[in-house]
Amino acid sequence: MIVDFGIDSDIVLRHGEDVNRPMEPRFYREAGRRAFVNCSPRLYNDLPANVKAAETVDIFKKRLKTFLFTDAYDLYNAIKEFCSHTKDTCQPGPIGPEGPMGPWR
């Protein structure tokens, strides 16, 4: 998707060598690094090629959701596997003033 900002625009959205890779802006403070306008090109560049190569917006959304849920599910399984080996340290404590789950021991 290419956005036309007009002839006199100073905004550069693409790398010179790769048209499909948005340019990551430079920033001078940590708050600027975390701003969505600055981190969105980095997030897009980190997506797998099959997600970025989608022909339509609907296909892009479907592949993006699949990628994100697979990534989250893999993380969940890794945590679950870790906790199954260390049951004593991953069990929630009794219900108490710390909340319904209690403190993690």
C-alpha atoms as a PDB file:
ATOM      1  CA  MET A   1       0.000   0.000   0.000  1.00  0.00           C
ATOM      2  CA  ILE A   2       1.617   3.269  -1.115  1.00  0.00           C
ATOM      3  CA  VAL A   3       0.467   6.605   0.270  1.00  0.00           C
ATOM      4  CA  ASP A   4       0.927   9.734  -1.837  1.00  0.00           C
ATOM      5  CA  PHE A   5       1.693  12.783   0.317  1.00  0.00           C
ATOM      6  CA  GLY A   6       2.011  15.130  -2.642  1.00  0.00           C
ATOM      7  CA  ILE A   7       4.941  16.512  -4.602  1.00  0.00           C
ATOM      8  CA  ASP A   8       6.303  18.819  -1.901  1.00  0.00           C
ATOM      9  CA  SER A   9       6.215  16.232   0.888  1.00  0.00           C
ATOM     10  CA  ASP A  10       9.318  15.660   3.031  1.00  0.00           C
ATOM     11  CA  ILE A  11       7.964  12.359   4.339  1.00  0.00           C
ATOM     12  CA  VAL A  12       9.876   9.270   3.189  1.00  0.00           C
ATOM     13  CA  LEU A  13       8.036   6.027   3.845  1.00  0.00           C
ATOM     14  CA  ARG A  14      10.169   3.470   1.996  1.00  0.00           C
ATOM     15  CA  HIS A  15      13.730   2.214   1.981  1.00  0.00           C
ATOM     16  CA  GLY A  16      15.514   2.915  -1.270  1.00  0.00           C
ATOM     17  CA  GLU A  17      16.639  -0.684  -1.765  1.00  0.00           C
ATOM     18  CA  ASP A  18      13.405  -2.459  -0.781  1.00  0.00           C
ATOM     19  CA  VAL A  19      10.063  -0.947  -1.729  1.00  0.00           C
ATOM     20  CA  ASN A  20       8.112  -3.266   0.592  1.00  0.00           C
ATOM     21  CA  ARG A  21      10.028  -2.302   3.708  1.00  0.00           C
ATOM     22  CA  PRO A  22       8.934   0.919   5.483  1.00  0.00           C
ATOM     23  CA  MET A  23      11.654   3.233   6.708  1.00  0.00           C
ATOM     24  CA  GLU A  24      12.156   3.245  10.476  1.00  0.00           C
ATOM     25  CA  PRO A  25      12.316   6.859  11.686  1.00  0.00           C
ATOM     26  CA  ARG A  26      15.134   8.102  13.884  1.00  0.00           C
ATOM     27  CA  PHE A  27      14.362   9.311  17.372  1.00  0.00           C
ATOM     28  CA  TYR A  28      16.327  10.917  20.141  1.00  0.00           C
ATOM     29  CA  ARG A  29      14.391  10.007  23.293  1.00  0.00           C
ATOM     30  CA  GLU A  30      12.908   6.807  24.676  1.00  0.00           C
ATOM     31  CA  ALA A  31       9.382   8.260  24.515  1.00  0.00           C
ATOM     32  CA  GLY A  32       9.846   8.809  20.789  1.00  0.00           C
ATOM     33  CA  ARG A  33      10.991   5.206  20.358  1.00  0.00           C
ATOM     34  CA  ARG A  34       7.788   3.916  21.980  1.00  0.00           C
ATOM     35  CA  ALA A  35       5.402   6.166  20.023  1.00  0.00           C
ATOM     36  CA  PHE A  36       3.243   4.140  17.632  1.00  0.00           C
ATOM     37  CA  VAL A  37       4.185   6.263  14.643  1.00  0.00           C
ATOM     38  CA  ASN A  38       7.822   5.276  15.226  1.00  0.00           C
ATOM     39  CA  CYS A  39       7.436   1.640  16.254  1.00  0.00           C
ATOM     40  CA  SER A  40       4.868   0.636  13.617  1.00  0.00           C
ATOM     41  CA  PRO A  41       7.421   0.397  10.741  1.00  0.00           C
ATOM     42  CA  ARG A  42       9.644  -1.792  12.948  1.00  0.00           C
ATOM     43  CA  LEU A  43       6.699  -4.044  13.832  1.00  0.00           C
ATOM     44  CA  TYR A  44       5.712  -4.326  10.157  1.00  0.00           C
ATOM     45  CA  ASN A  45       9.286  -5.104   9.099  1.00  0.00           C
ATOM     46  CA  ASP A  46       9.437  -7.925  11.677  1.00  0.00           C
ATOM     47  CA  LEU A  47       6.370  -9.690  10.245  1.00  0.00           C
ATOM     48  CA  PRO A  48       6.914 -12.897   8.258  1.00  0.00           C
ATOM     49  CA  ALA A  49       6.996 -12.577   4.477  1.00  0.00           C
ATOM     50  CA  ASN A  50       3.739 -14.501   3.940  1.00  0.00           C
ATOM     51  CA  VAL A  51       1.837 -11.956   6.071  1.00  0.00           C
ATOM     52  CA  LYS A  52       3.320  -8.972   4.229  1.00  0.00           C
ATOM     53  CA  ALA A  53       2.686 -10.590   0.820  1.00  0.00           C
ATOM     54  CA  ALA A  54      -1.095 -10.691   1.304  1.00  0.00           C
ATOM     55  CA  GLU A  55      -3.047  -9.647  -1.767  1.00  0.00           C
ATOM     56  CA  THR A  56      -5.981  -8.047   0.062  1.00  0.00           C
ATOM     57  CA  VAL A  57      -6.613  -6.412   3.413  1.00  0.00           C
ATOM     58  CA  ASP A  58      -8.845  -9.309   4.498  1.00  0.00           C
ATOM     59  CA  ILE A  59      -6.107 -11.858   3.756  1.00  0.00           C
ATOM     60  CA  PHE A  60      -3.564  -9.648   5.556  1.00  0.00           C
ATOM     61  CA  LYS A  61      -5.796  -9.456   8.652  1.00  0.00           C
ATOM     62  CA  LYS A  62      -6.371 -13.224   8.651  1.00  0.00           C
ATOM     63  CA  ARG A  63      -2.654 -14.015   8.323  1.00  0.00           C
ATOM     64  CA  LEU A  64      -1.735 -11.396  10.935  1.00  0.00           C
ATOM     65  CA  LYS A  65      -4.208 -12.824  13.461  1.00  0.00           C
ATOM     66  CA  THR A  66      -2.942 -16.350  12.770  1.00  0.00           C
ATOM     67  CA  PHE A  67       0.655 -15.219  13.269  1.00  0.00           C
ATOM     68  CA  LEU A  68      -0.101 -13.346  16.505  1.00  0.00           C
ATOM     69  CA  PHE A  69      -2.226 -16.107  18.033  1.00  0.00           C
ATOM     70  CA  THR A  70       0.333 -18.774  17.097  1.00  0.00           C
ATOM     71  CA  ASP A  71       3.064 -16.667  18.685  1.00  0.00           C
ATOM     72  CA  ALA A  72       1.011 -16.157  21.862  1.00  0.00           C
ATOM     73  CA  TYR A  73       0.019 -19.844  21.994  1.00  0.00           C
ATOM     74  CA  ASP A  74       3.672 -20.907  21.690  1.00  0.00           C
ATOM     75  CA  LEU A  75       4.562 -18.599  24.591  1.00  0.00           C
ATOM     76  CA  TYR A  76       1.663 -19.979  26.654  1.00  0.00           C
ATOM     77  CA  ASN A  77       2.824 -23.553  25.996  1.00  0.00           C
ATOM     78  CA  ALA A  78       6.397 -22.677  26.960  1.00  0.00           C
ATOM     79  CA  ILE A  79       5.214 -21.188  30.275  1.00  0.00           C
ATOM     80  CA  LYS A  80       2.904 -24.146  30.884  1.00  0.00           C
ATOM     81  CA  GLU A  81       5.758 -26.579  30.182  1.00  0.00           C
ATOM     82  CA  PHE A  82       8.066 -24.661  32.523  1.00  0.00           C
ATOM     83  CA  CYS A  83       5.471 -24.653  35.302  1.00  0.00           C
ATOM     84  CA  SER A  84       4.816 -28.376  34.915  1.00  0.00           C
ATOM     85  CA  HIS A  85       8.469 -29.017  35.814  1.00  0.00           C
ATOM     86  CA  THR A  86       8.454 -26.620  38.771  1.00  0.00           C
ATOM     87  CA  LYS A  87       5.003 -27.105  40.315  1.00  0.00           C
ATOM     88  CA  ASP A  88       6.038 -25.905  43.761  1.00  0.00           C
ATOM     89  CA  THR A  89       7.136 -22.487  42.509  1.00  0.00           C
ATOM     90  CA  CYS A  90       4.328 -21.833  39.994  1.00  0.00           C
ATOM     91  CA  GLN A  91       1.270 -22.514  42.140  1.00  0.00           C
ATOM     92  CA  PRO A  92      -0.907 -19.576  43.167  1.00  0.00           C
ATOM     93  CA  GLY A  93      -1.253 -18.952  46.857  1.00  0.00           C
ATOM     94  CA  PRO A  94      -4.503 -18.966  48.842  1.00  0.00           C
ATOM     95  CA  ILE A  95      -7.095 -16.241  48.457  1.00  0.00           C
ATOM     96  CA  GLY A  96      -6.065 -13.350  50.621  1.00  0.00           C
ATOM     97  CA  PRO A  97      -5.633  -9.574  50.782  1.00  0.00           C
ATOM     98  CA  GLU A  98      -3.310  -9.683  47.757  1.00  0.00           C
ATOM     99  CA  GLY A  99      -6.213 -10.578  45.466  1.00  0.00           C
ATOM    100  CA  PRO A 100      -8.179 -13.626  44.354  1.00  0.00           C
ATOM    101  CA  MET A 101      -5.091 -15.503  43.165  1.00  0.00           C
ATOM    102  CA  GLY A 102      -2.958 -14.585  46.148  1.00  0.00           C
ATOM    103  CA  PRO A 103       0.795 -14.161  45.945  1.00  0.00           C
ATOM    104  CA  TRP A 104       2.854 -16.342  43.640  1.00  0.00           C
ATOM    105  CA  ARG A 105       5.295 -18.393  45.665  1.00  0.00           C
END
